[in-house]
């Protein structure tokens, strides 16, 4: 098993891509801490893993609130004694995100809290345990939009993902000598409810699809399998990387 004896915290893992990651990591031998604000769905995810023979607990936490993050990490240590993997997966892409001139301060703050502040807080309380262990892997979910402008602007989301890239480089340099790696996955358009809210018509969907050289939108598993690689010892000499998993969209001029 690729993650045998490892303990993984996966934020935003009650559903969607996070749940798929939790289930995959558990199937590869990890003890998985499911953390989310959705209690019912989070408990169900952890229970499903246990029913399949894996190890998992659910810890309810809003990862944009410092006290709750501190409690979540402490509960992880109490349950498993260590933390080897922090997968900063939690994120939102609200429909009301827009160009800077049309963007409300409330939307900006909400996106920054969930997409970027959460990674800061979770790393703040996880890194000291990884330093003590002399080993760890932090996986940050950024986005291809951090590299590209877009005529359909989502400026809060784009800025938050650019921040994730910068944190990734900084953590990699600071903590590499402690045996801790930090990498960012930069997904392209993944066919999820987050993306579907932007499709006002079939034409809007096709406009995005036509930009992807591989001819399809991404699936959650395309991202989660990259995360599995970064969580495993197979990537032991990979740190500070920004890994594009985007079907080639960022290589396409037009």
C-alpha atoms as a PDB file:
ATOM      1  CA  UNK A   1       0.000   0.000   0.000  1.00  0.00           C
ATOM      2  CA  UNK A   2       1.320   3.414  -0.984  1.00  0.00           C
ATOM      3  CA  UNK A   3       0.299   5.195   2.255  1.00  0.00           C
ATOM      4  CA  UNK A   4       0.690   2.416   4.805  1.00  0.00           C
ATOM      5  CA  UNK A   5       1.063   3.688   8.396  1.00  0.00           C
ATOM      6  CA  UNK A   6       0.564   7.339   7.382  1.00  0.00           C
ATOM      7  CA  UNK A   7      -1.939   9.735   8.936  1.00  0.00           C
ATOM      8  CA  UNK A   8      -3.648  12.196   6.605  1.00  0.00           C
ATOM      9  CA  UNK A   9      -5.758  15.260   7.327  1.00  0.00           C
ATOM     10  CA  UNK A  10      -7.927  16.154   4.336  1.00  0.00           C
ATOM     11  CA  UNK A  11      -9.855  19.406   4.602  1.00  0.00           C
ATOM     12  CA  UNK A  12     -13.234  19.781   2.943  1.00  0.00           C
ATOM     13  CA  UNK A  13     -13.553  16.016   2.711  1.00  0.00           C
ATOM     14  CA  UNK A  14     -17.217  15.453   3.573  1.00  0.00           C
ATOM     15  CA  UNK A  15     -18.070  15.326  -0.122  1.00  0.00           C
ATOM     16  CA  UNK A  16     -16.884  15.847  -3.666  1.00  0.00           C
ATOM     17  CA  UNK A  17     -13.209  15.682  -4.488  1.00  0.00           C
ATOM     18  CA  UNK A  18     -12.262  15.647  -0.812  1.00  0.00           C
ATOM     19  CA  UNK A  19     -14.377  12.588  -0.110  1.00  0.00           C
ATOM     20  CA  UNK A  20     -12.874  10.765  -3.083  1.00  0.00           C
ATOM     21  CA  UNK A  21      -9.408  11.618  -1.746  1.00  0.00           C
ATOM     22  CA  UNK A  22     -10.318  10.376   1.725  1.00  0.00           C
ATOM     23  CA  UNK A  23     -11.582   7.081   0.366  1.00  0.00           C
ATOM     24  CA  UNK A  24      -8.582   6.590  -1.933  1.00  0.00           C
ATOM     25  CA  UNK A  25      -6.028   7.468   0.733  1.00  0.00           C
ATOM     26  CA  UNK A  26      -7.690   5.068   3.175  1.00  0.00           C
ATOM     27  CA  UNK A  27      -7.687   2.289   0.565  1.00  0.00           C
ATOM     28  CA  UNK A  28      -3.935   2.857   0.231  1.00  0.00           C
ATOM     29  CA  UNK A  29      -3.406   2.335   3.968  1.00  0.00           C
ATOM     30  CA  UNK A  30      -3.658   5.818   5.462  1.00  0.00           C
ATOM     31  CA  UNK A  31      -5.548   6.674   8.625  1.00  0.00           C
ATOM     32  CA  UNK A  32      -7.707   9.520   7.362  1.00  0.00           C
ATOM     33  CA  UNK A  33      -9.019  12.483   9.316  1.00  0.00           C
ATOM     34  CA  UNK A  34     -12.107  13.762   7.520  1.00  0.00           C
ATOM     35  CA  UNK A  35     -12.695  17.395   8.442  1.00  0.00           C
ATOM     36  CA  UNK A  36     -15.469  19.657   7.224  1.00  0.00           C
ATOM     37  CA  UNK A  37     -18.317  21.870   8.446  1.00  0.00           C
ATOM     38  CA  UNK A  38     -20.862  19.342   7.135  1.00  0.00           C
ATOM     39  CA  UNK A  39     -21.274  17.025  10.124  1.00  0.00           C
ATOM     40  CA  UNK A  40     -23.720  14.517   8.656  1.00  0.00           C
ATOM     41  CA  UNK A  41     -21.821  14.072   5.403  1.00  0.00           C
ATOM     42  CA  UNK A  42     -18.452  14.011   7.174  1.00  0.00           C
ATOM     43  CA  UNK A  43     -19.548  11.303   9.577  1.00  0.00           C
ATOM     44  CA  UNK A  44     -20.901   9.335   6.633  1.00  0.00           C
ATOM     45  CA  UNK A  45     -17.595   9.588   4.770  1.00  0.00           C
ATOM     46  CA  UNK A  46     -15.609   8.366   7.770  1.00  0.00           C
ATOM     47  CA  UNK A  47     -18.117   5.574   8.433  1.00  0.00           C
ATOM     48  CA  UNK A  48     -17.988   4.419   4.815  1.00  0.00           C
ATOM     49  CA  UNK A  49     -14.209   4.171   5.053  1.00  0.00           C
ATOM     50  CA  UNK A  50     -14.403   2.158   8.271  1.00  0.00           C
ATOM     51  CA  UNK A  51     -17.086  -0.117   6.818  1.00  0.00           C
ATOM     52  CA  UNK A  52     -14.695  -0.842   3.941  1.00  0.00           C
ATOM     53  CA  UNK A  53     -11.968  -1.889   6.374  1.00  0.00           C
ATOM     54  CA  UNK A  54     -10.101   1.410   6.518  1.00  0.00           C
ATOM     55  CA  UNK A  55      -9.266   3.753   9.375  1.00  0.00           C
ATOM     56  CA  UNK A  56     -10.964   7.132   9.618  1.00  0.00           C
ATOM     57  CA  UNK A  57     -12.474   9.616  12.021  1.00  0.00           C
ATOM     58  CA  UNK A  58     -14.507  12.745  11.398  1.00  0.00           C
ATOM     59  CA  UNK A  59     -13.651  15.998  13.161  1.00  0.00           C
ATOM     60  CA  UNK A  60     -16.059  18.839  12.550  1.00  0.00           C
ATOM     61  CA  UNK A  61     -14.190  22.104  12.018  1.00  0.00           C
ATOM     62  CA  UNK A  62     -14.422  25.344  10.114  1.00  0.00           C
ATOM     63  CA  UNK A  63     -10.864  25.536   8.807  1.00  0.00           C
ATOM     64  CA  UNK A  64     -11.094  29.324   8.482  1.00  0.00           C
ATOM     65  CA  UNK A  65     -11.406  29.688  12.281  1.00  0.00           C
ATOM     66  CA  UNK A  66      -8.173  29.373  14.245  1.00  0.00           C
ATOM     67  CA  UNK A  67      -9.552  27.832  17.442  1.00  0.00           C
ATOM     68  CA  UNK A  68     -11.350  25.148  15.471  1.00  0.00           C
ATOM     69  CA  UNK A  69      -8.253  24.294  13.444  1.00  0.00           C
ATOM     70  CA  UNK A  70      -6.118  24.039  16.577  1.00  0.00           C
ATOM     71  CA  UNK A  71      -8.699  21.722  18.148  1.00  0.00           C
ATOM     72  CA  UNK A  72      -8.892  19.620  14.991  1.00  0.00           C
ATOM     73  CA  UNK A  73      -5.133  19.080  14.850  1.00  0.00           C
ATOM     74  CA  UNK A  74      -4.980  18.289  18.576  1.00  0.00           C
ATOM     75  CA  UNK A  75      -7.753  15.724  18.127  1.00  0.00           C
ATOM     76  CA  UNK A  76      -5.799  14.160  15.258  1.00  0.00           C
ATOM     77  CA  UNK A  77      -2.710  13.795  17.456  1.00  0.00           C
ATOM     78  CA  UNK A  78      -4.812  12.398  20.298  1.00  0.00           C
ATOM     79  CA  UNK A  79      -6.329   9.807  17.968  1.00  0.00           C
ATOM     80  CA  UNK A  80      -3.295   8.775  15.921  1.00  0.00           C
ATOM     81  CA  UNK A  81      -0.187  10.255  17.550  1.00  0.00           C
ATOM     82  CA  UNK A  82       1.143  11.901  14.408  1.00  0.00           C
ATOM     83  CA  UNK A  83       0.241  13.602  11.141  1.00  0.00           C
ATOM     84  CA  UNK A  84       2.122  12.794   7.946  1.00  0.00           C
ATOM     85  CA  UNK A  85      -0.048  14.406   5.265  1.00  0.00           C
ATOM     86  CA  UNK A  86      -1.947  17.684   5.194  1.00  0.00           C
ATOM     87  CA  UNK A  87      -4.125  17.987   2.110  1.00  0.00           C
ATOM     88  CA  UNK A  88      -5.422  21.564   1.929  1.00  0.00           C
ATOM     89  CA  UNK A  89      -8.383  20.743  -0.266  1.00  0.00           C
ATOM     90  CA  UNK A  90     -11.122  22.996   1.140  1.00  0.00           C
ATOM     91  CA  UNK A  91     -12.205  25.692  -1.276  1.00  0.00           C
ATOM     92  CA  UNK A  92     -15.116  27.570  -2.791  1.00  0.00           C
ATOM     93  CA  UNK A  93     -15.818  29.224  -6.149  1.00  0.00           C
ATOM     94  CA  UNK A  94     -19.004  31.240  -5.572  1.00  0.00           C
ATOM     95  CA  UNK A  95     -21.134  32.424  -8.463  1.00  0.00           C
ATOM     96  CA  UNK A  96     -21.043  35.981  -7.100  1.00  0.00           C
ATOM     97  CA  UNK A  97     -17.260  36.167  -7.552  1.00  0.00           C
ATOM     98  CA  UNK A  98     -16.590  38.593 -10.390  1.00  0.00           C
ATOM     99  CA  UNK A  99     -14.318  41.300 -11.748  1.00  0.00           C
ATOM    100  CA  UNK A 100     -12.778  43.487  -9.065  1.00  0.00           C
ATOM    101  CA  UNK A 101     -15.074  46.404  -9.889  1.00  0.00           C
ATOM    102  CA  UNK A 102     -18.180  44.254  -9.378  1.00  0.00           C
ATOM    103  CA  UNK A 103     -16.924  42.222  -6.425  1.00  0.00           C
ATOM    104  CA  UNK A 104     -18.270  42.772  -2.925  1.00  0.00           C
ATOM    105  CA  UNK A 105     -15.933  42.947   0.038  1.00  0.00           C
ATOM    106  CA  UNK A 106     -17.957  40.199   1.732  1.00  0.00           C
ATOM    107  CA  UNK A 107     -17.416  37.795  -1.168  1.00  0.00           C
ATOM    108  CA  UNK A 108     -13.707  38.639  -1.316  1.00  0.00           C
ATOM    109  CA  UNK A 109     -13.295  37.981   2.407  1.00  0.00           C
ATOM    110  CA  UNK A 110     -15.273  34.735   2.314  1.00  0.00           C
ATOM    111  CA  UNK A 111     -13.247  33.335  -0.581  1.00  0.00           C
ATOM    112  CA  UNK A 112      -9.947  34.335   1.021  1.00  0.00           C
ATOM    113  CA  UNK A 113     -10.956  32.816   4.351  1.00  0.00           C
ATOM    114  CA  UNK A 114     -11.898  29.439   2.948  1.00  0.00           C
ATOM    115  CA  UNK A 115      -9.424  29.141   0.072  1.00  0.00           C
ATOM    116  CA  UNK A 116      -6.271  30.699   1.561  1.00  0.00           C
ATOM    117  CA  UNK A 117      -6.574  31.468   5.258  1.00  0.00           C
ATOM    118  CA  UNK A 118      -7.551  27.848   5.886  1.00  0.00           C
ATOM    119  CA  UNK A 119      -4.260  26.634   4.393  1.00  0.00           C
ATOM    120  CA  UNK A 120      -2.346  29.097   6.576  1.00  0.00           C
ATOM    121  CA  UNK A 121      -4.129  27.950   9.743  1.00  0.00           C
ATOM    122  CA  UNK A 122      -3.976  24.221   9.047  1.00  0.00           C
ATOM    123  CA  UNK A 123      -0.288  24.454   8.180  1.00  0.00           C
ATOM    124  CA  UNK A 124       0.410  26.590  11.263  1.00  0.00           C
ATOM    125  CA  UNK A 125      -0.834  23.872  13.594  1.00  0.00           C
ATOM    126  CA  UNK A 126       0.295  20.836  11.591  1.00  0.00           C
ATOM    127  CA  UNK A 127       3.860  21.838  10.778  1.00  0.00           C
ATOM    128  CA  UNK A 128       5.224  21.698  14.371  1.00  0.00           C
ATOM    129  CA  UNK A 129       4.202  18.031  14.571  1.00  0.00           C
ATOM    130  CA  UNK A 130       5.795  17.290  11.207  1.00  0.00           C
ATOM    131  CA  UNK A 131       8.993  19.011  12.349  1.00  0.00           C
ATOM    132  CA  UNK A 132       9.109  16.786  15.434  1.00  0.00           C
ATOM    133  CA  UNK A 133       8.643  13.730  13.246  1.00  0.00           C
ATOM    134  CA  UNK A 134      11.251  14.894  10.725  1.00  0.00           C
ATOM    135  CA  UNK A 135       8.915  14.119   7.862  1.00  0.00           C
ATOM    136  CA  UNK A 136       5.691  15.261   6.237  1.00  0.00           C
ATOM    137  CA  UNK A 137       3.900  16.236   3.041  1.00  0.00           C
ATOM    138  CA  UNK A 138       1.672  19.276   2.548  1.00  0.00           C
ATOM    139  CA  UNK A 139      -0.468  19.327  -0.574  1.00  0.00           C
ATOM    140  CA  UNK A 140      -2.070  22.627  -1.552  1.00  0.00           C
ATOM    141  CA  UNK A 141      -4.845  22.870  -4.118  1.00  0.00           C
ATOM    142  CA  UNK A 142      -4.230  25.910  -6.327  1.00  0.00           C
ATOM    143  CA  UNK A 143      -5.592  26.341  -9.877  1.00  0.00           C
ATOM    144  CA  UNK A 144      -4.528  26.911 -13.455  1.00  0.00           C
ATOM    145  CA  UNK A 145      -6.244  30.315 -13.241  1.00  0.00           C
ATOM    146  CA  UNK A 146      -3.428  31.518 -10.990  1.00  0.00           C
ATOM    147  CA  UNK A 147      -1.294  31.561 -14.162  1.00  0.00           C
ATOM    148  CA  UNK A 148      -3.787  32.969 -16.647  1.00  0.00           C
ATOM    149  CA  UNK A 149      -6.201  35.838 -17.012  1.00  0.00           C
ATOM    150  CA  UNK A 150      -9.792  35.177 -17.952  1.00  0.00           C
ATOM    151  CA  UNK A 151     -12.432  37.319 -19.638  1.00  0.00           C
ATOM    152  CA  UNK A 152     -15.004  35.749 -17.295  1.00  0.00           C
ATOM    153  CA  UNK A 153     -13.316  37.111 -14.197  1.00  0.00           C
ATOM    154  CA  UNK A 154     -13.294  35.523 -10.749  1.00  0.00           C
ATOM    155  CA  UNK A 155     -10.822  37.820  -9.094  1.00  0.00           C
ATOM    156  CA  UNK A 156     -11.181  36.636  -5.499  1.00  0.00           C
ATOM    157  CA  UNK A 157     -10.791  32.984  -6.477  1.00  0.00           C
ATOM    158  CA  UNK A 158      -7.856  33.765  -8.771  1.00  0.00           C
ATOM    159  CA  UNK A 159      -6.047  35.785  -6.103  1.00  0.00           C
ATOM    160  CA  UNK A 160      -6.617  33.119  -3.463  1.00  0.00           C
ATOM    161  CA  UNK A 161      -5.093  30.460  -5.682  1.00  0.00           C
ATOM    162  CA  UNK A 162      -2.114  32.689  -6.482  1.00  0.00           C
ATOM    163  CA  UNK A 163      -1.584  32.950  -2.746  1.00  0.00           C
ATOM    164  CA  UNK A 164      -1.558  29.158  -2.484  1.00  0.00           C
ATOM    165  CA  UNK A 165       1.280  29.030  -5.005  1.00  0.00           C
ATOM    166  CA  UNK A 166       3.346  31.501  -2.986  1.00  0.00           C
ATOM    167  CA  UNK A 167       2.733  29.656   0.285  1.00  0.00           C
ATOM    168  CA  UNK A 168       3.810  26.435  -1.401  1.00  0.00           C
ATOM    169  CA  UNK A 169       7.205  27.836  -2.390  1.00  0.00           C
ATOM    170  CA  UNK A 170       7.747  29.445   0.999  1.00  0.00           C
ATOM    171  CA  UNK A 171       6.886  26.295   2.967  1.00  0.00           C
ATOM    172  CA  UNK A 172       9.046  24.140   0.697  1.00  0.00           C
ATOM    173  CA  UNK A 173      12.089  26.320   1.299  1.00  0.00           C
ATOM    174  CA  UNK A 174      11.545  26.839   5.029  1.00  0.00           C
ATOM    175  CA  UNK A 175      10.812  23.249   5.979  1.00  0.00           C
ATOM    176  CA  UNK A 176      12.703  21.160   3.439  1.00  0.00           C
ATOM    177  CA  UNK A 177      15.590  20.584   5.842  1.00  0.00           C
ATOM    178  CA  UNK A 178      13.113  19.146   8.311  1.00  0.00           C
ATOM    179  CA  UNK A 179      12.130  16.493   5.787  1.00  0.00           C
ATOM    180  CA  UNK A 180       8.856  18.232   4.972  1.00  0.00           C
ATOM    181  CA  UNK A 181       7.718  18.628   1.398  1.00  0.00           C
ATOM    182  CA  UNK A 182       5.121  21.075   0.109  1.00  0.00           C
ATOM    183  CA  UNK A 183       3.646  21.011  -3.380  1.00  0.00           C
ATOM    184  CA  UNK A 184       0.693  22.546  -5.193  1.00  0.00           C
ATOM    185  CA  UNK A 185      -1.707  20.895  -7.594  1.00  0.00           C
ATOM    186  CA  UNK A 186      -3.115  23.261 -10.210  1.00  0.00           C
ATOM    187  CA  UNK A 187      -6.302  21.728 -11.608  1.00  0.00           C
ATOM    188  CA  UNK A 188      -7.835  22.825 -14.854  1.00  0.00           C
ATOM    189  CA  UNK A 189     -11.610  22.817 -15.299  1.00  0.00           C
ATOM    190  CA  UNK A 190     -12.993  19.871 -13.333  1.00  0.00           C
ATOM    191  CA  UNK A 191     -16.597  18.884 -13.954  1.00  0.00           C
ATOM    192  CA  UNK A 192     -17.976  19.452 -10.464  1.00  0.00           C
ATOM    193  CA  UNK A 193     -20.896  21.434  -9.017  1.00  0.00           C
ATOM    194  CA  UNK A 194     -18.427  24.294  -8.422  1.00  0.00           C
ATOM    195  CA  UNK A 195     -17.830  24.560 -12.174  1.00  0.00           C
ATOM    196  CA  UNK A 196     -21.387  23.903 -13.279  1.00  0.00           C
ATOM    197  CA  UNK A 197     -22.634  27.057 -11.573  1.00  0.00           C
ATOM    198  CA  UNK A 198     -20.738  28.997 -14.250  1.00  0.00           C
ATOM    199  CA  UNK A 199     -22.449  27.238 -17.137  1.00  0.00           C
ATOM    200  CA  UNK A 200     -25.366  29.451 -18.026  1.00  0.00           C
ATOM    201  CA  UNK A 201     -25.862  27.562 -21.299  1.00  0.00           C
ATOM    202  CA  UNK A 202     -24.500  24.725 -23.429  1.00  0.00           C
ATOM    203  CA  UNK A 203     -22.610  27.381 -25.394  1.00  0.00           C
ATOM    204  CA  UNK A 204     -20.850  28.526 -22.212  1.00  0.00           C
ATOM    205  CA  UNK A 205     -19.890  24.935 -21.454  1.00  0.00           C
ATOM    206  CA  UNK A 206     -18.641  24.268 -25.000  1.00  0.00           C
ATOM    207  CA  UNK A 207     -16.625  27.483 -25.025  1.00  0.00           C
ATOM    208  CA  UNK A 208     -14.561  26.165 -22.123  1.00  0.00           C
ATOM    209  CA  UNK A 209     -14.383  22.633 -23.485  1.00  0.00           C
ATOM    210  CA  UNK A 210     -13.007  23.820 -26.830  1.00  0.00           C
ATOM    211  CA  UNK A 211      -9.964  25.243 -25.029  1.00  0.00           C
ATOM    212  CA  UNK A 212      -8.870  21.864 -23.634  1.00  0.00           C
ATOM    213  CA  UNK A 213      -6.494  19.960 -25.944  1.00  0.00           C
ATOM    214  CA  UNK A 214      -7.407  16.567 -24.457  1.00  0.00           C
ATOM    215  CA  UNK A 215     -11.026  17.212 -25.366  1.00  0.00           C
ATOM    216  CA  UNK A 216     -12.713  16.634 -22.012  1.00  0.00           C
ATOM    217  CA  UNK A 217     -13.161  18.287 -18.660  1.00  0.00           C
ATOM    218  CA  UNK A 218     -11.185  16.855 -15.812  1.00  0.00           C
ATOM    219  CA  UNK A 219     -12.606  14.408 -13.304  1.00  0.00           C
ATOM    220  CA  UNK A 220     -12.041  14.469  -9.580  1.00  0.00           C
ATOM    221  CA  UNK A 221      -9.927  11.320  -9.812  1.00  0.00           C
ATOM    222  CA  UNK A 222      -7.464  13.099 -12.129  1.00  0.00           C
ATOM    223  CA  UNK A 223      -6.574  15.441  -9.264  1.00  0.00           C
ATOM    224  CA  UNK A 224      -6.822  12.941  -6.435  1.00  0.00           C
ATOM    225  CA  UNK A 225      -4.367  10.521  -8.044  1.00  0.00           C
ATOM    226  CA  UNK A 226      -1.834  13.338  -8.326  1.00  0.00           C
ATOM    227  CA  UNK A 227      -2.414  14.046  -4.632  1.00  0.00           C
ATOM    228  CA  UNK A 228      -1.827  10.373  -3.858  1.00  0.00           C
ATOM    229  CA  UNK A 229       1.554  10.570  -5.575  1.00  0.00           C
ATOM    230  CA  UNK A 230       2.495  13.686  -3.595  1.00  0.00           C
ATOM    231  CA  UNK A 231       1.344  12.088  -0.337  1.00  0.00           C
ATOM    232  CA  UNK A 232       3.379   8.954  -0.929  1.00  0.00           C
ATOM    233  CA  UNK A 233       7.109   8.344  -0.577  1.00  0.00           C
ATOM    234  CA  UNK A 234       7.273   8.025  -4.369  1.00  0.00           C
ATOM    235  CA  UNK A 235       7.549  11.831  -4.473  1.00  0.00           C
ATOM    236  CA  UNK A 236      10.276  12.000  -1.823  1.00  0.00           C
ATOM    237  CA  UNK A 237      12.415  14.377  -3.953  1.00  0.00           C
ATOM    238  CA  UNK A 238       9.544  16.566  -5.114  1.00  0.00           C
ATOM    239  CA  UNK A 239       8.968  19.822  -3.273  1.00  0.00           C
ATOM    240  CA  UNK A 240       8.061  23.378  -4.175  1.00  0.00           C
ATOM    241  CA  UNK A 241       6.444  22.132  -7.381  1.00  0.00           C
ATOM    242  CA  UNK A 242       3.412  23.634  -9.087  1.00  0.00           C
ATOM    243  CA  UNK A 243       1.930  20.652 -10.908  1.00  0.00           C
ATOM    244  CA  UNK A 244      -0.461  21.479 -13.746  1.00  0.00           C
ATOM    245  CA  UNK A 245      -3.222  18.887 -14.130  1.00  0.00           C
ATOM    246  CA  UNK A 246      -5.344  20.705 -16.661  1.00  0.00           C
ATOM    247  CA  UNK A 247      -5.802  18.683 -19.846  1.00  0.00           C
ATOM    248  CA  UNK A 248      -3.380  21.068 -21.546  1.00  0.00           C
ATOM    249  CA  UNK A 249      -5.589  24.161 -21.308  1.00  0.00           C
ATOM    250  CA  UNK A 250      -2.768  26.345 -19.999  1.00  0.00           C
ATOM    251  CA  UNK A 251      -0.681  25.433 -23.072  1.00  0.00           C
ATOM    252  CA  UNK A 252      -3.354  26.479 -25.548  1.00  0.00           C
ATOM    253  CA  UNK A 253      -2.999  29.885 -27.161  1.00  0.00           C
ATOM    254  CA  UNK A 254      -6.425  29.657 -28.888  1.00  0.00           C
END
